[in-house]
Amino acid sequence: MRYRLSFILGLAIGFVLGTRAGRERYEQLRRQAQRLGENPAVRNAAESAAQNGRQFASRAFDTVNERTGHRVPESVSDKVHSLTGRRAANNDDWGSGNA
C-alpha cells in the first residue's frame, strides 16, 4: 500500500508540474531531442553501440551454445540470430565465419 501511495503521489506531482510547463515547453524539449538525434556524432555513437551489442550477443550465444553441447533450443537460436542479424550460425556479413 505504501508503494502504491508513493507512486500515485509521484504521478500527481509529475502531472501538475507537466501541466504548468505547458505545451510550449514540451515542444521545445521535443525539438531539442530531435536535434540531438540528428547529430552525426550521436548517430555514429548509437550505430557503434548497436553493432558492438550485436557482436557481444553473438559471441555470448556461441559460448553458451558450445558449453551446453549445442543444446540451445531452436526458438532461442532463431531469436538470437534474428537480433544479431546473422543468417546462418557460422556465417557473418563478411563471409569470414566465427573468428
PDB file of N, CA and C in Angstrom:
ATOM      1  N   MET A   1       0.820  -1.193   0.000  1.00  0.00           N
ATOM      2  CA  MET A   1       0.000   0.000   0.000  1.00  0.00           C
ATOM      3  C   MET A   1       0.862   1.254   0.000  1.00  0.00           C
ATOM      4  N   ARG A   2       1.956   1.214   0.751  1.00  0.00           N
ATOM      5  CA  ARG A   2       2.839   2.369   0.845  1.00  0.00           C
ATOM      6  C   ARG A   2       3.435   2.718  -0.523  1.00  0.00           C
ATOM      7  N   TYR A   3       3.852   1.684  -1.271  1.00  0.00           N
ATOM      8  CA  TYR A   3       4.452   1.915  -2.575  1.00  0.00           C
ATOM      9  C   TYR A   3       3.417   2.440  -3.571  1.00  0.00           C
ATOM     10  N   ARG A   4       2.223   1.941  -3.449  1.00  0.00           N
ATOM     11  CA  ARG A   4       1.154   2.394  -4.327  1.00  0.00           C
ATOM     12  C   ARG A   4       0.853   3.870  -4.078  1.00  0.00           C
ATOM     13  N   LEU A   5       0.814   4.247  -2.809  1.00  0.00           N
ATOM     14  CA  LEU A   5       0.566   5.637  -2.449  1.00  0.00           C
ATOM     15  C   LEU A   5       1.706   6.533  -2.940  1.00  0.00           C
ATOM     16  N   SER A   6       2.938   6.078  -2.799  1.00  0.00           N
ATOM     17  CA  SER A   6       4.096   6.846  -3.288  1.00  0.00           C
ATOM     18  C   SER A   6       4.025   7.029  -4.797  1.00  0.00           C
ATOM     19  N   PHE A   7       3.648   5.960  -5.494  1.00  0.00           N
ATOM     20  CA  PHE A   7       3.544   6.042  -6.953  1.00  0.00           C
ATOM     21  C   PHE A   7       2.472   7.043  -7.369  1.00  0.00           C
ATOM     22  N   ILE A   8       1.320   6.962  -6.727  1.00  0.00           N
ATOM     23  CA  ILE A   8       0.213   7.870  -7.066  1.00  0.00           C
ATOM     24  C   ILE A   8       0.596   9.310  -6.753  1.00  0.00           C
ATOM     25  N   LEU A   9       1.275   9.533  -5.622  1.00  0.00           N
ATOM     26  CA  LEU A   9       1.727  10.875  -5.262  1.00  0.00           C
ATOM     27  C   LEU A   9       2.724  11.397  -6.298  1.00  0.00           C
ATOM     28  N   GLY A  10       3.671  10.565  -6.710  1.00  0.00           N
ATOM     29  CA  GLY A  10       4.637  10.956  -7.732  1.00  0.00           C
ATOM     30  C   GLY A  10       3.976  11.256  -9.057  1.00  0.00           C
ATOM     31  N   LEU A  11       2.997  10.450  -9.417  1.00  0.00           N
ATOM     32  CA  LEU A  11       2.253  10.672 -10.653  1.00  0.00           C
ATOM     33  C   LEU A  11       1.515  12.010 -10.611  1.00  0.00           C
ATOM     34  N   ALA A  12       0.894  12.308  -9.480  1.00  0.00           N
ATOM     35  CA  ALA A  12       0.161  13.572  -9.335  1.00  0.00           C
ATOM     36  C   ALA A  12       1.104  14.770  -9.409  1.00  0.00           C
ATOM     37  N   ILE A  13       2.247  14.681  -8.744  1.00  0.00           N
ATOM     38  CA  ILE A  13       3.219  15.783  -8.786  1.00  0.00           C
ATOM     39  C   ILE A  13       3.732  15.976 -10.209  1.00  0.00           C
ATOM     40  N   GLY A  14       4.046  14.891 -10.887  1.00  0.00           N
ATOM     41  CA  GLY A  14       4.511  14.987 -12.270  1.00  0.00           C
ATOM     42  C   GLY A  14       3.469  15.591 -13.181  1.00  0.00           C
ATOM     43  N   PHE A  15       2.224  15.223 -12.969  1.00  0.00           N
ATOM     44  CA  PHE A  15       1.143  15.776 -13.785  1.00  0.00           C
ATOM     45  C   PHE A  15       1.020  17.281 -13.575  1.00  0.00           C
ATOM     46  N   VAL A  16       1.045  17.711 -12.317  1.00  0.00           N
ATOM     47  CA  VAL A  16       0.912  19.141 -12.011  1.00  0.00           C
ATOM     48  C   VAL A  16       2.076  19.922 -12.600  1.00  0.00           C
ATOM     49  N   LEU A  17       3.292  19.422 -12.413  1.00  0.00           N
ATOM     50  CA  LEU A  17       4.454  20.130 -12.957  1.00  0.00           C
ATOM     51  C   LEU A  17       4.433  20.134 -14.483  1.00  0.00           C
ATOM     52  N   GLY A  18       3.990  19.042 -15.068  1.00  0.00           N
ATOM     53  CA  GLY A  18       3.916  18.957 -16.521  1.00  0.00           C
ATOM     54  C   GLY A  18       2.893  19.908 -17.104  1.00  0.00           C
ATOM     55  N   THR A  19       1.756  20.056 -16.448  1.00  0.00           N
ATOM     56  CA  THR A  19       0.737  20.960 -16.971  1.00  0.00           C
ATOM     57  C   THR A  19       1.148  22.411 -16.782  1.00  0.00           C
ATOM     58  N   ARG A  20       1.920  22.702 -15.748  1.00  0.00           N
ATOM     59  CA  ARG A  20       2.402  24.069 -15.558  1.00  0.00           C
ATOM     60  C   ARG A  20       3.427  24.448 -16.620  1.00  0.00           C
ATOM     61  N   ALA A  21       4.249  23.480 -17.035  1.00  0.00           N
ATOM     62  CA  ALA A  21       5.251  23.766 -18.050  1.00  0.00           C
ATOM     63  C   ALA A  21       4.573  24.085 -19.376  1.00  0.00           C
ATOM     64  N   GLY A  22       3.498  23.404 -19.680  1.00  0.00           N
ATOM     65  CA  GLY A  22       2.712  23.708 -20.861  1.00  0.00           C
ATOM     66  C   GLY A  22       3.229  23.089 -22.139  1.00  0.00           C
ATOM     67  N   ARG A  23       2.456  23.326 -23.171  1.00  0.00           N
ATOM     68  CA  ARG A  23       2.739  22.766 -24.483  1.00  0.00           C
ATOM     69  C   ARG A  23       4.003  23.352 -25.099  1.00  0.00           C
ATOM     70  N   GLU A  24       4.256  24.627 -24.854  1.00  0.00           N
ATOM     71  CA  GLU A  24       5.433  25.274 -25.439  1.00  0.00           C
ATOM     72  C   GLU A  24       6.725  24.616 -24.956  1.00  0.00           C
ATOM     73  N   ARG A  25       6.801  24.347 -23.664  1.00  0.00           N
ATOM     74  CA  ARG A  25       7.995  23.707 -23.107  1.00  0.00           C
ATOM     75  C   ARG A  25       8.134  22.291 -23.659  1.00  0.00           C
ATOM     76  N   TYR A  26       7.022  21.591 -23.802  1.00  0.00           N
ATOM     77  CA  TYR A  26       7.042  20.250 -24.375  1.00  0.00           C
ATOM     78  C   TYR A  26       7.600  20.299 -25.798  1.00  0.00           C
ATOM     79  N   GLU A  27       7.109  21.220 -26.598  1.00  0.00           N
ATOM     80  CA  GLU A  27       7.586  21.343 -27.983  1.00  0.00           C
ATOM     81  C   GLU A  27       9.064  21.702 -28.021  1.00  0.00           C
ATOM     82  N   GLN A  28       9.489  22.559 -27.105  1.00  0.00           N
ATOM     83  CA  GLN A  28      10.896  22.942 -27.041  1.00  0.00           C
ATOM     84  C   GLN A  28      11.771  21.725 -26.716  1.00  0.00           C
ATOM     85  N   LEU A  29      11.371  20.929 -25.750  1.00  0.00           N
ATOM     86  CA  LEU A  29      12.126  19.728 -25.396  1.00  0.00           C
ATOM     87  C   LEU A  29      12.127  18.717 -26.545  1.00  0.00           C
ATOM     88  N   ARG A  30      11.004  18.603 -27.235  1.00  0.00           N
ATOM     89  CA  ARG A  30      10.917  17.673 -28.363  1.00  0.00           C
ATOM     90  C   ARG A  30      11.861  18.081 -29.493  1.00  0.00           C
ATOM     91  N   ARG A  31      11.901  19.390 -29.788  1.00  0.00           N
ATOM     92  CA  ARG A  31      12.807  19.884 -30.838  1.00  0.00           C
ATOM     93  C   ARG A  31      14.271  19.657 -30.458  1.00  0.00           C
ATOM     94  N   GLN A  32      14.603  19.887 -29.200  1.00  0.00           N
ATOM     95  CA  GLN A  32      15.980  19.666 -28.749  1.00  0.00           C
ATOM     96  C   GLN A  32      16.357  18.192 -28.853  1.00  0.00           C
ATOM     97  N   ALA A  33      15.453  17.315 -28.475  1.00  0.00           N
ATOM     98  CA  ALA A  33      15.714  15.881 -28.573  1.00  0.00           C
ATOM     99  C   ALA A  33      15.864  15.457 -30.037  1.00  0.00           C
ATOM    100  N   GLN A  34      15.061  16.039 -30.907  1.00  0.00           N
ATOM    101  CA  GLN A  34      15.156  15.704 -32.329  1.00  0.00           C
ATOM    102  C   GLN A  34      16.495  16.176 -32.901  1.00  0.00           C
ATOM    103  N   ARG A  35      16.915  17.386 -32.538  1.00  0.00           N
ATOM    104  CA  ARG A  35      18.212  17.889 -32.995  1.00  0.00           C
ATOM    105  C   ARG A  35      19.353  17.020 -32.491  1.00  0.00           C
ATOM    106  N   LEU A  36      19.253  16.592 -31.252  1.00  0.00           N
ATOM    107  CA  LEU A  36      20.280  15.729 -30.686  1.00  0.00           C
ATOM    108  C   LEU A  36      20.331  14.403 -31.439  1.00  0.00           C
ATOM    109  N   GLY A  37      19.182  13.854 -31.772  1.00  0.00           N
ATOM    110  CA  GLY A  37      19.130  12.599 -32.514  1.00  0.00           C
ATOM    111  C   GLY A  37      19.655  12.714 -33.930  1.00  0.00           C
ATOM    112  N   GLU A  38      19.602  13.900 -34.507  1.00  0.00           N
ATOM    113  CA  GLU A  38      20.090  14.113 -35.868  1.00  0.00           C
ATOM    114  C   GLU A  38      21.579  14.450 -35.914  1.00  0.00           C
ATOM    115  N   ASN A  39      22.185  14.673 -34.764  1.00  0.00           N
ATOM    116  CA  ASN A  39      23.602  14.994 -34.693  1.00  0.00           C
ATOM    117  C   ASN A  39      24.418  13.796 -35.186  1.00  0.00           C
ATOM    118  N   PRO A  40      25.341  14.006 -36.153  1.00  0.00           N
ATOM    119  CA  PRO A  40      26.122  12.884 -36.698  1.00  0.00           C
ATOM    120  C   PRO A  40      26.939  12.146 -35.636  1.00  0.00           C
ATOM    121  N   ALA A  41      27.474  12.853 -34.674  1.00  0.00           N
ATOM    122  CA  ALA A  41      28.271  12.194 -33.639  1.00  0.00           C
ATOM    123  C   ALA A  41      27.392  11.261 -32.801  1.00  0.00           C
ATOM    124  N   VAL A  42      26.193  11.708 -32.495  1.00  0.00           N
ATOM    125  CA  VAL A  42      25.272  10.879 -31.708  1.00  0.00           C
ATOM    126  C   VAL A  42      24.832   9.675 -32.524  1.00  0.00           C
ATOM    127  N   ARG A  43      24.542   9.888 -33.786  1.00  0.00           N
ATOM    128  CA  ARG A  43      24.118   8.771 -34.639  1.00  0.00           C
ATOM    129  C   ARG A  43      25.226   7.738 -34.779  1.00  0.00           C
ATOM    130  N   ASN A  44      26.466   8.208 -34.973  1.00  0.00           N
ATOM    131  CA  ASN A  44      27.589   7.278 -35.093  1.00  0.00           C
ATOM    132  C   ASN A  44      27.784   6.494 -33.799  1.00  0.00           C
ATOM    133  N   ALA A  45      27.661   7.182 -32.668  1.00  0.00           N
ATOM    134  CA  ALA A  45      27.814   6.500 -31.384  1.00  0.00           C
ATOM    135  C   ALA A  45      26.715   5.456 -31.199  1.00  0.00           C
ATOM    136  N   ALA A  46      25.498   5.784 -31.582  1.00  0.00           N
ATOM    137  CA  ALA A  46      24.385   4.844 -31.442  1.00  0.00           C
ATOM    138  C   ALA A  46      24.578   3.632 -32.357  1.00  0.00           C
ATOM    139  N   GLU A  47      25.003   3.874 -33.582  1.00  0.00           N
ATOM    140  CA  GLU A  47      25.236   2.771 -34.514  1.00  0.00           C
ATOM    141  C   GLU A  47      26.378   1.883 -34.035  1.00  0.00           C
ATOM    142  N   SER A  48      27.424   2.507 -33.511  1.00  0.00           N
ATOM    143  CA  SER A  48      28.554   1.755 -32.990  1.00  0.00           C
ATOM    144  C   SER A  48      28.140   0.910 -31.792  1.00  0.00           C
ATOM    145  N   ALA A  49      27.358   1.491 -30.898  1.00  0.00           N
ATOM    146  CA  ALA A  49      26.885   0.750 -29.727  1.00  0.00           C
ATOM    147  C   ALA A  49      26.001  -0.419 -30.153  1.00  0.00           C
ATOM    148  N   ALA A  50      25.148  -0.205 -31.130  1.00  0.00           N
ATOM    149  CA  ALA A  50      24.283  -1.281 -31.613  1.00  0.00           C
ATOM    150  C   ALA A  50      25.108  -2.404 -32.237  1.00  0.00           C
ATOM    151  N   GLN A  51      26.109  -2.042 -33.019  1.00  0.00           N
ATOM    152  CA  GLN A  51      26.950  -3.052 -33.651  1.00  0.00           C
ATOM    153  C   GLN A  51      27.736  -3.831 -32.602  1.00  0.00           C
ATOM    154  N   ASN A  52      28.289  -3.126 -31.622  1.00  0.00           N
ATOM    155  CA  ASN A  52      29.021  -3.811 -30.560  1.00  0.00           C
ATOM    156  C   ASN A  52      28.106  -4.726 -29.758  1.00  0.00           C
ATOM    157  N   GLY A  53      26.893  -4.293 -29.524  1.00  0.00           N
ATOM    158  CA  GLY A  53      25.926  -5.118 -28.812  1.00  0.00           C
ATOM    159  C   GLY A  53      25.590  -6.389 -29.578  1.00  0.00           C
ATOM    160  N   ARG A  54      25.422  -6.260 -30.898  1.00  0.00           N
ATOM    161  CA  ARG A  54      25.144  -7.444 -31.718  1.00  0.00           C
ATOM    162  C   ARG A  54      26.321  -8.413 -31.695  1.00  0.00           C
ATOM    163  N   GLN A  55      27.542  -7.867 -31.775  1.00  0.00           N
ATOM    164  CA  GLN A  55      28.720  -8.735 -31.733  1.00  0.00           C
ATOM    165  C   GLN A  55      28.842  -9.438 -30.385  1.00  0.00           C
ATOM    166  N   PHE A  56      28.602  -8.710 -29.311  1.00  0.00           N
ATOM    167  CA  PHE A  56      28.674  -9.306 -27.978  1.00  0.00           C
ATOM    168  C   PHE A  56      27.625 -10.399 -27.822  1.00  0.00           C
ATOM    169  N   ALA A  57      26.414 -10.136 -28.270  1.00  0.00           N
ATOM    170  CA  ALA A  57      25.342 -11.126 -28.167  1.00  0.00           C
ATOM    171  C   ALA A  57      25.684 -12.373 -28.975  1.00  0.00           C
ATOM    172  N   SER A  58      26.268 -12.172 -30.123  1.00  0.00           N
ATOM    173  CA  SER A  58      26.644 -13.299 -30.970  1.00  0.00           C
ATOM    174  C   SER A  58      27.712 -14.152 -30.295  1.00  0.00           C
ATOM    175  N   ARG A  59      28.741 -13.494 -29.749  1.00  0.00           N
ATOM    176  CA  ARG A  59      29.802 -14.236 -29.064  1.00  0.00           C
ATOM    177  C   ARG A  59      29.272 -14.941 -27.821  1.00  0.00           C
ATOM    178  N   ALA A  60      28.408 -14.271 -27.085  1.00  0.00           N
ATOM    179  CA  ALA A  60      27.833 -14.876 -25.874  1.00  0.00           C
ATOM    180  C   ALA A  60      27.006 -16.102 -26.246  1.00  0.00           C
ATOM    181  N   PHE A  61      26.210 -15.996 -27.300  1.00  0.00           N
ATOM    182  CA  PHE A  61      25.405 -17.136 -27.735  1.00  0.00           C
ATOM    183  C   PHE A  61      26.303 -18.305 -28.130  1.00  0.00           C
ATOM    184  N   ASP A  62      27.353 -18.019 -28.901  1.00  0.00           N
ATOM    185  CA  ASP A  62      28.255 -19.091 -29.327  1.00  0.00           C
ATOM    186  C   ASP A  62      28.911 -19.772 -28.128  1.00  0.00           C
ATOM    187  N   THR A  63      29.324 -18.987 -27.137  1.00  0.00           N
ATOM    188  CA  THR A  63      29.953 -19.552 -25.941  1.00  0.00           C
ATOM    189  C   THR A  63      28.972 -20.432 -25.179  1.00  0.00           C
ATOM    190  N   VAL A  64      27.762 -19.933 -24.978  1.00  0.00           N
ATOM    191  CA  VAL A  64      26.753 -20.715 -24.262  1.00  0.00           C
ATOM    192  C   VAL A  64      26.414 -21.977 -25.052  1.00  0.00           C
ATOM    193  N   ASN A  65      26.284 -21.845 -26.341  1.00  0.00           N
ATOM    194  CA  ASN A  65      25.939 -22.986 -27.186  1.00  0.00           C
ATOM    195  C   ASN A  65      27.026 -24.065 -27.116  1.00  0.00           C
ATOM    196  N   GLU A  66      28.296 -23.661 -27.126  1.00  0.00           N
ATOM    197  CA  GLU A  66      29.383 -24.634 -27.044  1.00  0.00           C
ATOM    198  C   GLU A  66      29.416 -25.313 -25.677  1.00  0.00           C
ATOM    199  N   ARG A  67      29.197 -24.537 -24.616  1.00  0.00           N
ATOM    200  CA  ARG A  67      29.271 -25.096 -23.261  1.00  0.00           C
ATOM    201  C   ARG A  67      28.088 -25.997 -22.928  1.00  0.00           C
ATOM    202  N   THR A  68      26.992 -25.815 -23.604  1.00  0.00           N
ATOM    203  CA  THR A  68      25.830 -26.678 -23.353  1.00  0.00           C
ATOM    204  C   THR A  68      25.771 -27.843 -24.336  1.00  0.00           C
ATOM    205  N   GLY A  69      26.796 -27.998 -25.137  1.00  0.00           N
ATOM    206  CA  GLY A  69      26.817 -29.114 -26.085  1.00  0.00           C
ATOM    207  C   GLY A  69      25.856 -28.918 -27.231  1.00  0.00           C
ATOM    208  N   HIS A  70      25.691 -27.676 -27.661  1.00  0.00           N
ATOM    209  CA  HIS A  70      24.822 -27.338 -28.793  1.00  0.00           C
ATOM    210  C   HIS A  70      23.380 -27.794 -28.548  1.00  0.00           C
ATOM    211  N   ARG A  71      22.916 -27.600 -27.300  1.00  0.00           N
ATOM    212  CA  ARG A  71      21.553 -27.986 -26.951  1.00  0.00           C
ATOM    213  C   ARG A  71      20.658 -26.771 -26.707  1.00  0.00           C
ATOM    214  N   VAL A  72      21.016 -25.633 -27.260  1.00  0.00           N
ATOM    215  CA  VAL A  72      20.177 -24.445 -27.111  1.00  0.00           C
ATOM    216  C   VAL A  72      18.923 -24.662 -27.945  1.00  0.00           C
ATOM    217  N   PRO A  73      17.757 -24.420 -27.363  1.00  0.00           N
ATOM    218  CA  PRO A  73      16.509 -24.636 -28.117  1.00  0.00           C
ATOM    219  C   PRO A  73      16.484 -23.825 -29.422  1.00  0.00           C
ATOM    220  N   GLU A  74      15.862 -24.390 -30.408  1.00  0.00           N
ATOM    221  CA  GLU A  74      15.803 -23.761 -31.736  1.00  0.00           C
ATOM    222  C   GLU A  74      15.140 -22.389 -31.677  1.00  0.00           C
ATOM    223  N   SER A  75      14.134 -22.232 -30.826  1.00  0.00           N
ATOM    224  CA  SER A  75      13.454 -20.938 -30.729  1.00  0.00           C
ATOM    225  C   SER A  75      14.403 -19.857 -30.213  1.00  0.00           C
ATOM    226  N   VAL A  76      15.254 -20.216 -29.253  1.00  0.00           N
ATOM    227  CA  VAL A  76      16.236 -19.257 -28.725  1.00  0.00           C
ATOM    228  C   VAL A  76      17.269 -18.948 -29.794  1.00  0.00           C
ATOM    229  N   SER A  77      17.730 -19.959 -30.466  1.00  0.00           N
ATOM    230  CA  SER A  77      18.717 -19.787 -31.528  1.00  0.00           C
ATOM    231  C   SER A  77      18.196 -18.863 -32.629  1.00  0.00           C
ATOM    232  N   ASP A  78      16.966 -19.088 -33.057  1.00  0.00           N
ATOM    233  CA  ASP A  78      16.379 -18.248 -34.097  1.00  0.00           C
ATOM    234  C   ASP A  78      16.251 -16.798 -33.647  1.00  0.00           C
ATOM    235  N   LYS A  79      15.839 -16.614 -32.397  1.00  0.00           N
ATOM    236  CA  LYS A  79      15.677 -15.256 -31.878  1.00  0.00           C
ATOM    237  C   LYS A  79      17.016 -14.533 -31.811  1.00  0.00           C
ATOM    238  N   VAL A  80      18.058 -15.197 -31.332  1.00  0.00           N
ATOM    239  CA  VAL A  80      19.382 -14.571 -31.238  1.00  0.00           C
ATOM    240  C   VAL A  80      19.893 -14.235 -32.624  1.00  0.00           C
ATOM    241  N   HIS A  81      19.740 -15.148 -33.547  1.00  0.00           N
ATOM    242  CA  HIS A  81      20.225 -14.886 -34.899  1.00  0.00           C
ATOM    243  C   HIS A  81      19.461 -13.744 -35.571  1.00  0.00           C
ATOM    244  N   SER A  82      18.176 -13.625 -35.278  1.00  0.00           N
ATOM    245  CA  SER A  82      17.422 -12.514 -35.863  1.00  0.00           C
ATOM    246  C   SER A  82      17.838 -11.189 -35.242  1.00  0.00           C
ATOM    247  N   LEU A  83      18.153 -11.196 -33.952  1.00  0.00           N
ATOM    248  CA  LEU A  83      18.575  -9.962 -33.288  1.00  0.00           C
ATOM    249  C   LEU A  83      19.984  -9.548 -33.685  1.00  0.00           C
ATOM    250  N   THR A  84      20.850 -10.512 -33.911  1.00  0.00           N
ATOM    251  CA  THR A  84      22.229 -10.177 -34.270  1.00  0.00           C
ATOM    252  C   THR A  84      22.390  -9.963 -35.767  1.00  0.00           C
ATOM    253  N   GLY A  85      21.365 -10.274 -36.529  1.00  0.00           N
ATOM    254  CA  GLY A  85      21.428 -10.046 -37.972  1.00  0.00           C
ATOM    255  C   GLY A  85      22.157 -11.139 -38.720  1.00  0.00           C
ATOM    256  N   ARG A  86      22.457 -12.245 -38.050  1.00  0.00           N
ATOM    257  CA  ARG A  86      23.157 -13.341 -38.714  1.00  0.00           C
ATOM    258  C   ARG A  86      22.151 -14.275 -39.350  1.00  0.00           C
ATOM    259  N   ARG A  87      22.428 -14.683 -40.566  1.00  0.00           N
ATOM    260  CA  ARG A  87      21.520 -15.591 -41.269  1.00  0.00           C
ATOM    261  C   ARG A  87      21.812 -17.050 -40.896  1.00  0.00           C
ATOM    262  N   ALA A  88      23.057 -17.410 -40.886  1.00  0.00           N
ATOM    263  CA  ALA A  88      23.441 -18.781 -40.561  1.00  0.00           C
ATOM    264  C   ALA A  88      24.281 -18.756 -39.289  1.00  0.00           C
ATOM    265  N   ALA A  89      24.316 -19.872 -38.590  1.00  0.00           N
ATOM    266  CA  ALA A  89      25.002 -19.907 -37.304  1.00  0.00           C
ATOM    267  C   ALA A  89      26.502 -19.681 -37.437  1.00  0.00           C
ATOM    268  N   ASN A  90      27.108 -20.062 -38.555  1.00  0.00           N
ATOM    269  CA  ASN A  90      28.558 -19.943 -38.694  1.00  0.00           C
ATOM    270  C   ASN A  90      28.965 -19.013 -39.826  1.00  0.00           C
ATOM    271  N   ASN A  91      28.155 -18.018 -40.110  1.00  0.00           N
ATOM    272  CA  ASN A  91      28.492 -17.116 -41.211  1.00  0.00           C
ATOM    273  C   ASN A  91      28.081 -15.706 -40.821  1.00  0.00           C
ATOM    274  N   ASP A  92      28.973 -14.749 -41.070  1.00  0.00           N
ATOM    275  CA  ASP A  92      28.609 -13.369 -40.801  1.00  0.00           C
ATOM    276  C   ASP A  92      28.547 -12.598 -42.109  1.00  0.00           C
ATOM    277  N   ASP A  93      28.313 -11.303 -42.034  1.00  0.00           N
ATOM    278  CA  ASP A  93      28.159 -10.492 -43.240  1.00  0.00           C
ATOM    279  C   ASP A  93      29.419 -10.446 -44.100  1.00  0.00           C
ATOM    280  N   TRP A  94      30.570 -10.693 -43.484  1.00  0.00           N
ATOM    281  CA  TRP A  94      31.827 -10.611 -44.216  1.00  0.00           C
ATOM    282  C   TRP A  94      32.223 -11.955 -44.818  1.00  0.00           C
ATOM    283  N   GLY A  95      31.489 -12.991 -44.502  1.00  0.00           N
ATOM    284  CA  GLY A  95      31.807 -14.311 -45.043  1.00  0.00           C
ATOM    285  C   GLY A  95      32.981 -14.946 -44.364  1.00  0.00           C
ATOM    286  N   SER A  96      33.368 -14.437 -43.198  1.00  0.00           N
ATOM    287  CA  SER A  96      34.566 -14.959 -42.535  1.00  0.00           C
ATOM    288  C   SER A  96      34.232 -15.966 -41.449  1.00  0.00           C
ATOM    289  N   GLY A  97      32.971 -16.227 -41.186  1.00  0.00           N
ATOM    290  CA  GLY A  97      32.606 -17.176 -40.154  1.00  0.00           C
ATOM    291  C   GLY A  97      32.890 -16.614 -38.784  1.00  0.00           C
ATOM    292  N   ASN A  98      32.934 -17.482 -37.787  1.00  0.00           N
ATOM    293  CA  ASN A  98      33.209 -17.052 -36.404  1.00  0.00           C
ATOM    294  C   ASN A  98      34.705 -16.914 -36.196  1.00  0.00           C
ATOM    295  N   ALA A  99      35.112 -15.734 -35.803  1.00  0.00           N
ATOM    296  CA  ALA A  99      36.543 -15.503 -35.587  1.00  0.00           C
ATOM    297  C   ALA A  99      36.899 -15.709 -34.142  1.00  0.00           C
TER     298      ALA A  99
END
